[in-house]
C-alpha atoms as a PDB file:
ATOM      1  CA  MET A   1      51.032  13.487  73.464  1.00  0.00           C
ATOM      2  CA  GLU A   2      51.122  16.467  75.830  1.00  0.00           C
ATOM      3  CA  GLY A   3      54.230  18.647  75.808  1.00  0.00           C
ATOM      4  CA  THR A   4      56.446  19.219  78.809  1.00  0.00           C
ATOM      5  CA  GLY A   5      56.049  22.984  78.733  1.00  0.00           C
ATOM      6  CA  SER A   6      59.797  23.456  79.213  1.00  0.00           C
ATOM      7  CA  GLY A   7      62.902  22.672  77.211  1.00  0.00           C
ATOM      8  CA  ASP A   8      65.269  23.589  80.024  1.00  0.00           C
ATOM      9  CA  PRO A   9      67.298  20.502  81.104  1.00  0.00           C
ATOM     10  CA  THR A  10      67.850  22.134  84.498  1.00  0.00           C
ATOM     11  CA  GLU A  11      64.099  22.222  84.957  1.00  0.00           C
ATOM     12  CA  GLY A  12      63.935  18.513  84.110  1.00  0.00           C
ATOM     13  CA  ASN A  13      66.618  17.684  86.671  1.00  0.00           C
ATOM     14  CA  ARG A  14      64.841  19.745  89.313  1.00  0.00           C
ATOM     15  CA  ARG A  15      61.619  17.894  88.633  1.00  0.00           C
ATOM     16  CA  LEU A  16      63.266  14.480  88.937  1.00  0.00           C
ATOM     17  CA  VAL A  17      64.871  15.436  92.250  1.00  0.00           C
ATOM     18  CA  SER A  18      61.651  16.927  93.594  1.00  0.00           C
ATOM     19  CA  ARG A  19      59.718  13.727  92.916  1.00  0.00           C
ATOM     20  CA  ARG A  20      61.874  11.952  95.469  1.00  0.00           C
ATOM     21  CA  GLN A  21      61.121  14.525  98.179  1.00  0.00           C
ATOM     22  CA  PRO A  22      58.131  14.409 100.567  1.00  0.00           C
ATOM     23  CA  ARG A  23      57.302  18.113 100.188  1.00  0.00           C
ATOM     24  CA  GLY A  24      54.185  18.654  98.138  1.00  0.00           C
ATOM     25  CA  GLN A  25      53.261  14.971  97.954  1.00  0.00           C
ATOM     26  CA  GLU A  26      49.643  15.855  98.740  1.00  0.00           C
ATOM     27  CA  THR A  27      49.426  17.798  95.487  1.00  0.00           C
ATOM     28  CA  ARG A  28      50.972  14.956  93.526  1.00  0.00           C
ATOM     29  CA  GLU A  29      48.575  12.410  95.020  1.00  0.00           C
ATOM     30  CA  ARG A  30      45.591  14.678  94.309  1.00  0.00           C
ATOM     31  CA  ILE A  31      46.671  15.030  90.687  1.00  0.00           C
ATOM     32  CA  LEU A  32      46.981  11.245  90.354  1.00  0.00           C
ATOM     33  CA  ALA A  33      43.591  10.630  92.001  1.00  0.00           C
ATOM     34  CA  VAL A  34      41.850  13.146  89.756  1.00  0.00           C
ATOM     35  CA  ALA A  35      43.606  11.824  86.656  1.00  0.00           C
ATOM     36  CA  LEU A  36      42.534   8.271  87.474  1.00  0.00           C
ATOM     37  CA  SER A  37      38.921   9.385  87.864  1.00  0.00           C
ATOM     38  CA  GLN A  38      39.047  11.347  84.606  1.00  0.00           C
ATOM     39  CA  PHE A  39      40.720   8.542  82.652  1.00  0.00           C
ATOM     40  CA  SER A  40      38.257   5.972  84.006  1.00  0.00           C
ATOM     41  CA  SER A  41      35.115   7.978  83.290  1.00  0.00           C
ATOM     42  CA  ARG A  42      36.018   9.741  80.040  1.00  0.00           C
ATOM     43  CA  GLY A  43      38.710   7.564  78.474  1.00  0.00           C
ATOM     44  CA  TYR A  44      42.442   8.220  78.390  1.00  0.00           C
ATOM     45  CA  HIS A  45      42.657  10.021  75.053  1.00  0.00           C
ATOM     46  CA  ALA A  46      39.749  12.360  75.834  1.00  0.00           C
ATOM     47  CA  VAL A  47      41.508  13.873  78.857  1.00  0.00           C
ATOM     48  CA  SER A  48      44.091  16.663  78.648  1.00  0.00           C
ATOM     49  CA  ILE A  49      46.538  18.153  81.128  1.00  0.00           C
ATOM     50  CA  GLU A  50      44.235  21.188  81.295  1.00  0.00           C
ATOM     51  CA  ASP A  51      41.315  18.951  82.311  1.00  0.00           C
ATOM     52  CA  ILE A  52      43.359  17.291  85.048  1.00  0.00           C
ATOM     53  CA  ALA A  53      44.670  20.585  86.403  1.00  0.00           C
ATOM     54  CA  SER A  54      41.202  22.145  86.452  1.00  0.00           C
ATOM     55  CA  ALA A  55      39.580  19.157  88.174  1.00  0.00           C
ATOM     56  CA  ALA A  56      42.411  18.977  90.731  1.00  0.00           C
ATOM     57  CA  GLY A  57      42.211  22.687  91.461  1.00  0.00           C
ATOM     58  CA  VAL A  58      45.843  23.332  90.524  1.00  0.00           C
ATOM     59  CA  THR A  59      47.663  25.130  87.737  1.00  0.00           C
ATOM     60  CA  LYS A  60      49.149  23.401  84.683  1.00  0.00           C
ATOM     61  CA  GLY A  61      52.519  24.416  86.065  1.00  0.00           C
ATOM     62  CA  ALA A  62      51.821  22.431  89.220  1.00  0.00           C
ATOM     63  CA  VAL A  63      51.037  19.359  87.122  1.00  0.00           C
ATOM     64  CA  TYR A  64      54.230  19.782  85.093  1.00  0.00           C
ATOM     65  CA  TYR A  65      56.202  20.236  88.294  1.00  0.00           C
ATOM     66  CA  TRP A  66      55.495  16.583  89.104  1.00  0.00           C
ATOM     67  CA  PHE A  67      54.946  15.015  85.687  1.00  0.00           C
ATOM     68  CA  THR A  68      56.545  15.527  82.291  1.00  0.00           C
ATOM     69  CA  ASP A  69      53.263  15.009  80.390  1.00  0.00           C
ATOM     70  CA  LYS A  70      49.980  13.116  80.458  1.00  0.00           C
ATOM     71  CA  ASP A  71      51.646   9.841  79.560  1.00  0.00           C
ATOM     72  CA  ASP A  72      53.938  10.223  82.568  1.00  0.00           C
ATOM     73  CA  ILE A  73      50.829  10.439  84.768  1.00  0.00           C
ATOM     74  CA  GLY A  74      49.339   7.394  83.045  1.00  0.00           C
ATOM     75  CA  ARG A  75      52.504   5.358  83.519  1.00  0.00           C
ATOM     76  CA  ASP A  76      52.681   6.267  87.207  1.00  0.00           C
ATOM     77  CA  LEU A  77      49.055   5.251  87.718  1.00  0.00           C
ATOM     78  CA  GLN A  78      49.509   2.003  85.839  1.00  0.00           C
ATOM     79  CA  HIS A  79      52.656   1.183  87.806  1.00  0.00           C
ATOM     80  CA  GLU A  80      50.982   1.889  91.157  1.00  0.00           C
ATOM     81  CA  LEU A  81      48.017  -0.321  90.261  1.00  0.00           C
ATOM     82  CA  TYR A  82      50.343  -3.084  89.081  1.00  0.00           C
ATOM     83  CA  GLU A  83      52.344  -2.812  92.309  1.00  0.00           C
ATOM     84  CA  ARG A  84      49.164  -3.127  94.373  1.00  0.00           C
ATOM     85  CA  LEU A  85      48.087  -6.258  92.504  1.00  0.00           C
ATOM     86  CA  THR A  86      51.571  -7.755  92.757  1.00  0.00           C
ATOM     87  CA  ARG A  87      51.867  -6.917  96.454  1.00  0.00           C
ATOM     88  CA  GLU A  88      48.567  -8.672  97.181  1.00  0.00           C
ATOM     89  CA  GLY A  89      49.610 -11.685  95.139  1.00  0.00           C
ATOM     90  CA  LEU A  90      53.038 -11.994  96.743  1.00  0.00           C
ATOM     91  CA  ALA A  91      51.502 -11.774 100.212  1.00  0.00           C
ATOM     92  CA  ALA A  92      49.491 -14.893  99.365  1.00  0.00           C
ATOM     93  CA  LEU A  93      52.590 -16.974  98.605  1.00  0.00           C
ATOM     94  CA  ASP A  94      52.841 -19.596 101.339  1.00  0.00           C
ATOM     95  CA  PRO A  95      56.395 -20.746 102.131  1.00  0.00           C
ATOM     96  CA  ASP A  96      54.990 -23.790 103.929  1.00  0.00           C
ATOM     97  CA  ALA A  97      52.929 -24.965 100.945  1.00  0.00           C
ATOM     98  CA  ASP A  98      54.191 -26.728  97.844  1.00  0.00           C
ATOM     99  CA  THR A  99      55.050 -24.500  94.897  1.00  0.00           C
ATOM    100  CA  VAL A 100      51.972 -25.311  92.810  1.00  0.00           C
ATOM    101  CA  THR A 101      49.579 -24.593  95.669  1.00  0.00           C
ATOM    102  CA  SER A 102      51.431 -21.406  96.530  1.00  0.00           C
ATOM    103  CA  ILE A 103      51.346 -20.111  92.938  1.00  0.00           C
ATOM    104  CA  ARG A 104      47.654 -20.972  92.639  1.00  0.00           C
ATOM    105  CA  ARG A 105      46.846 -18.992  95.762  1.00  0.00           C
ATOM    106  CA  ALA A 106      48.899 -15.999  94.630  1.00  0.00           C
ATOM    107  CA  LEU A 107      47.274 -15.869  91.179  1.00  0.00           C
ATOM    108  CA  GLU A 108      43.799 -16.298  92.667  1.00  0.00           C
ATOM    109  CA  VAL A 109      44.392 -13.377  95.027  1.00  0.00           C
ATOM    110  CA  PHE A 110      45.825 -11.322  92.144  1.00  0.00           C
ATOM    111  CA  LEU A 111      42.696 -11.820  90.045  1.00  0.00           C
ATOM    112  CA  ASN A 112      40.320 -11.434  92.987  1.00  0.00           C
ATOM    113  CA  THR A 113      41.932  -8.097  93.842  1.00  0.00           C
ATOM    114  CA  LEU A 114      40.722  -6.747  90.498  1.00  0.00           C
ATOM    115  CA  ASP A 115      37.222  -6.576  91.987  1.00  0.00           C
ATOM    116  CA  ASN A 116      38.488  -4.202  94.675  1.00  0.00           C
ATOM    117  CA  LEU A 117      40.016  -1.655  92.308  1.00  0.00           C
ATOM    118  CA  GLY A 118      36.792   0.297  91.825  1.00  0.00           C
ATOM    119  CA  GLU A 119      36.933   2.767  88.953  1.00  0.00           C
ATOM    120  CA  ALA A 120      40.598   1.905  88.457  1.00  0.00           C
ATOM    121  CA  GLN A 121      39.432  -1.276  86.703  1.00  0.00           C
ATOM    122  CA  PHE A 122      38.354   0.812  83.711  1.00  0.00           C
ATOM    123  CA  PHE A 123      41.702   2.595  83.456  1.00  0.00           C
ATOM    124  CA  LEU A 124      43.698  -0.616  83.895  1.00  0.00           C
ATOM    125  CA  ARG A 125      41.645  -2.348  81.210  1.00  0.00           C
ATOM    126  CA  ASP A 126      42.325   0.453  78.739  1.00  0.00           C
ATOM    127  CA  ALA A 127      45.915   1.199  79.810  1.00  0.00           C
ATOM    128  CA  TRP A 128      47.280  -2.109  78.566  1.00  0.00           C
ATOM    129  CA  THR A 129      46.080  -1.257  75.060  1.00  0.00           C
ATOM    130  CA  ILE A 130      47.481   2.299  74.944  1.00  0.00           C
ATOM    131  CA  PRO A 131      50.780   2.428  72.994  1.00  0.00           C
ATOM    132  CA  GLU A 132      51.945   5.537  74.857  1.00  0.00           C
ATOM    133  CA  LEU A 133      52.010   3.564  78.097  1.00  0.00           C
ATOM    134  CA  GLY A 134      53.788   0.583  76.578  1.00  0.00           C
ATOM    135  CA  VAL A 135      57.167   1.333  78.159  1.00  0.00           C
ATOM    136  CA  GLY A 136      55.737   1.049  81.660  1.00  0.00           C
ATOM    137  CA  THR A 137      53.844  -2.116  80.749  1.00  0.00           C
ATOM    138  CA  VAL A 138      56.993  -3.803  79.430  1.00  0.00           C
ATOM    139  CA  ALA A 139      59.047  -2.815  82.483  1.00  0.00           C
ATOM    140  CA  ASP A 140      56.451  -4.085  84.947  1.00  0.00           C
ATOM    141  CA  GLY A 141      56.026  -7.249  82.902  1.00  0.00           C
ATOM    142  CA  GLN A 142      59.741  -7.972  83.036  1.00  0.00           C
ATOM    143  CA  ASP A 143      59.691  -7.621  86.822  1.00  0.00           C
ATOM    144  CA  ALA A 144      56.771 -10.048  87.049  1.00  0.00           C
ATOM    145  CA  VAL A 145      58.491 -12.594  84.804  1.00  0.00           C
ATOM    146  CA  ALA A 146      61.612 -12.422  86.974  1.00  0.00           C
ATOM    147  CA  LEU A 147      59.541 -13.041  90.120  1.00  0.00           C
ATOM    148  CA  LEU A 148      57.751 -15.991  88.537  1.00  0.00           C
ATOM    149  CA  ARG A 149      61.031 -17.447  87.307  1.00  0.00           C
ATOM    150  CA  GLY A 150      62.464 -17.345  90.817  1.00  0.00           C
ATOM    151  CA  VAL A 151      59.455 -19.150  92.283  1.00  0.00           C
ATOM    152  CA  LEU A 152      59.420 -21.751  89.507  1.00  0.00           C
ATOM    153  CA  THR A 153      63.162 -22.394  89.732  1.00  0.00           C
ATOM    154  CA  GLY A 154      62.839 -23.001  93.464  1.00  0.00           C
ATOM    155  CA  GLY A 155      59.984 -25.419  92.816  1.00  0.00           C
ATOM    156  CA  MET A 156      62.025 -27.301  90.236  1.00  0.00           C
ATOM    157  CA  ALA A 157      64.914 -27.627  92.685  1.00  0.00           C
ATOM    158  CA  ARG A 158      62.517 -29.210  95.200  1.00  0.00           C
ATOM    159  CA  GLY A 159      61.072 -31.549  92.593  1.00  0.00           C
ATOM    160  CA  GLU A 160      57.622 -29.905  92.776  1.00  0.00           C
ATOM    161  CA  ILE A 161      57.611 -28.363  89.276  1.00  0.00           C
ATOM    162  CA  VAL A 162      58.273 -30.208  86.019  1.00  0.00           C
ATOM    163  CA  ALA A 163      61.839 -29.710  84.790  1.00  0.00           C
ATOM    164  CA  LEU A 164      61.279 -27.472  81.764  1.00  0.00           C
ATOM    165  CA  ASP A 165      62.953 -24.241  80.700  1.00  0.00           C
ATOM    166  CA  PRO A 166      62.163 -21.846  83.602  1.00  0.00           C
ATOM    167  CA  ASP A 167      62.439 -18.748  81.380  1.00  0.00           C
ATOM    168  CA  ALA A 168      59.949 -20.100  78.879  1.00  0.00           C
ATOM    169  CA  MET A 169      57.660 -21.321  81.641  1.00  0.00           C
ATOM    170  CA  ALA A 170      57.698 -17.954  83.434  1.00  0.00           C
ATOM    171  CA  ARG A 171      56.930 -16.052  80.231  1.00  0.00           C
ATOM    172  CA  VAL A 172      54.118 -18.392  79.197  1.00  0.00           C
ATOM    173  CA  LEU A 173      52.596 -18.229  82.678  1.00  0.00           C
ATOM    174  CA  PHE A 174      52.854 -14.435  82.744  1.00  0.00           C
ATOM    175  CA  GLY A 175      51.281 -14.230  79.298  1.00  0.00           C
ATOM    176  CA  ALA A 176      48.408 -16.400  80.481  1.00  0.00           C
ATOM    177  CA  LEU A 177      47.958 -14.219  83.579  1.00  0.00           C
ATOM    178  CA  THR A 178      47.931 -11.073  81.427  1.00  0.00           C
ATOM    179  CA  GLU A 179      45.216 -12.504  79.189  1.00  0.00           C
ATOM    180  CA  ALA A 180      43.303 -13.748  82.231  1.00  0.00           C
ATOM    181  CA  THR A 181      43.438 -10.264  83.748  1.00  0.00           C
ATOM    182  CA  MET A 182      42.151  -8.642  80.571  1.00  0.00           C
ATOM    183  CA  TYR A 183      39.403 -11.252  80.260  1.00  0.00           C
ATOM    184  CA  VAL A 184      38.214 -10.646  83.818  1.00  0.00           C
ATOM    185  CA  LEU A 185      38.308  -6.869  83.333  1.00  0.00           C
ATOM    186  CA  THR A 186      36.333  -7.004  80.085  1.00  0.00           C
ATOM    187  CA  THR A 187      33.829  -9.762  80.917  1.00  0.00           C
ATOM    188  CA  GLY A 188      33.696 -10.012  84.711  1.00  0.00           C
ATOM    189  CA  LYS A 189      33.979 -13.814  84.456  1.00  0.00           C
ATOM    190  CA  ARG A 190      36.352 -14.186  87.372  1.00  0.00           C
ATOM    191  CA  GLY A 191      35.209 -17.614  88.535  1.00  0.00           C
ATOM    192  CA  ALA A 192      35.467 -19.243  85.105  1.00  0.00           C
ATOM    193  CA  THR A 193      38.842 -17.621  84.512  1.00  0.00           C
ATOM    194  CA  LEU A 194      40.211 -18.789  87.858  1.00  0.00           C
ATOM    195  CA  ALA A 195      39.125 -22.349  87.112  1.00  0.00           C
ATOM    196  CA  VAL A 196      41.222 -22.276  83.935  1.00  0.00           C
ATOM    197  CA  VAL A 197      44.184 -20.660  85.731  1.00  0.00           C
ATOM    198  CA  ASP A 198      44.000 -23.303  88.474  1.00  0.00           C
ATOM    199  CA  HIS A 199      44.203 -26.153  85.972  1.00  0.00           C
ATOM    200  CA  LEU A 200      46.987 -24.462  84.038  1.00  0.00           C
ATOM    201  CA  VAL A 201      49.112 -24.052  87.164  1.00  0.00           C
ATOM    202  CA  GLU A 202      48.346 -27.610  88.296  1.00  0.00           C
ATOM    203  CA  SER A 203      49.749 -28.903  84.995  1.00  0.00           C
ATOM    204  CA  LEU A 204      53.148 -27.477  85.967  1.00  0.00           C
ATOM    205  CA  GLY A 205      53.410 -29.749  88.981  1.00  0.00           C
ATOM    206  CA  THR A 206      55.031 -33.149  89.099  1.00  0.00           C
ATOM    207  CA  GLY A 207      52.844 -36.200  89.605  1.00  0.00           C
ATOM    208  CA  ASP A 208      49.099 -36.533  89.072  1.00  0.00           C
ATOM    209  CA  ARG A 209      47.811 -33.383  90.757  1.00  0.00           C
ATOM    210  CA  THR A 210      44.877 -32.536  88.493  1.00  0.00           C
ATOM    211  CA  ALA A 211      42.436 -35.145  89.765  1.00  0.00           C
ATOM    212  CA  GLY A 212      39.734 -33.650  91.915  1.00  0.00           C
ATOM    213  CA  LEU A 213      40.858 -30.077  91.375  1.00  0.00           C
ATOM    214  CA  THR A 214      38.145 -27.667  92.511  1.00  0.00           C
ATOM    215  CA  PRO A 215      38.429 -23.870  92.266  1.00  0.00           C
ATOM    216  CA  THR A 216      38.427 -22.241  95.695  1.00  0.00           C
ATOM    217  CA  VAL A 217      36.629 -19.043  94.667  1.00  0.00           C
ATOM    218  CA  THR A 218      33.056 -18.049  94.005  1.00  0.00           C
ATOM    219  CA  LYS A 219      31.897 -17.107  90.543  1.00  0.00           C
ATOM    220  CA  GLY A 220      32.100 -13.530  89.412  1.00  0.00           C
ATOM    221  CA  ARG A 221      29.426 -11.617  87.526  1.00  0.00           C
ATOM    222  CA  GLY A 222      28.636 -12.972  84.103  1.00  0.00           C
ATOM    223  CA  ASP A 223      29.729 -16.569  84.940  1.00  0.00           C
END
């Protein structure tokens, strides 16, 4: 793990305050963009703070001004990618549709968005297996579970989702989505994966909803 380059707690406080200010954001964004490219092309562990600073055309001090170490950069990148995927998925939730249909659409959009991440796909695929980034993964996962629980609880109240433990259901569904994401990233089989996700979500609904279920997406590469 890269060091912070400073043991001064005042320096740490200054850095935390500065990250909430607009001044110098261009430098921060350039560092993140370069780091993402380096991580995606060379692999996370092969890249150092020196490599990122050199490729971004800044000093190591400039990198440490915004980030405590390399893992801090990785967590920020992972969080931003997760937020983009989540934002796209939430936008697909349809308040006028039943809960099952709405969840299906959101998860389909979430997985389809993976194809639009470009080189970030390679970093995201590796990031979820890097222990140093585990804290960010857990935090983002907890947020996702809470969102799913809220949607499922609302569906249960309307009689659209089977009355099972909403916490357990949200965690199982999130776990399935995590595995589905990794499978798509590693194999490219988006269409086949979405077909499975569709049927899984349909099974949460009340009544006989599975008959005639047809995935609404085209197959991805490798299907």
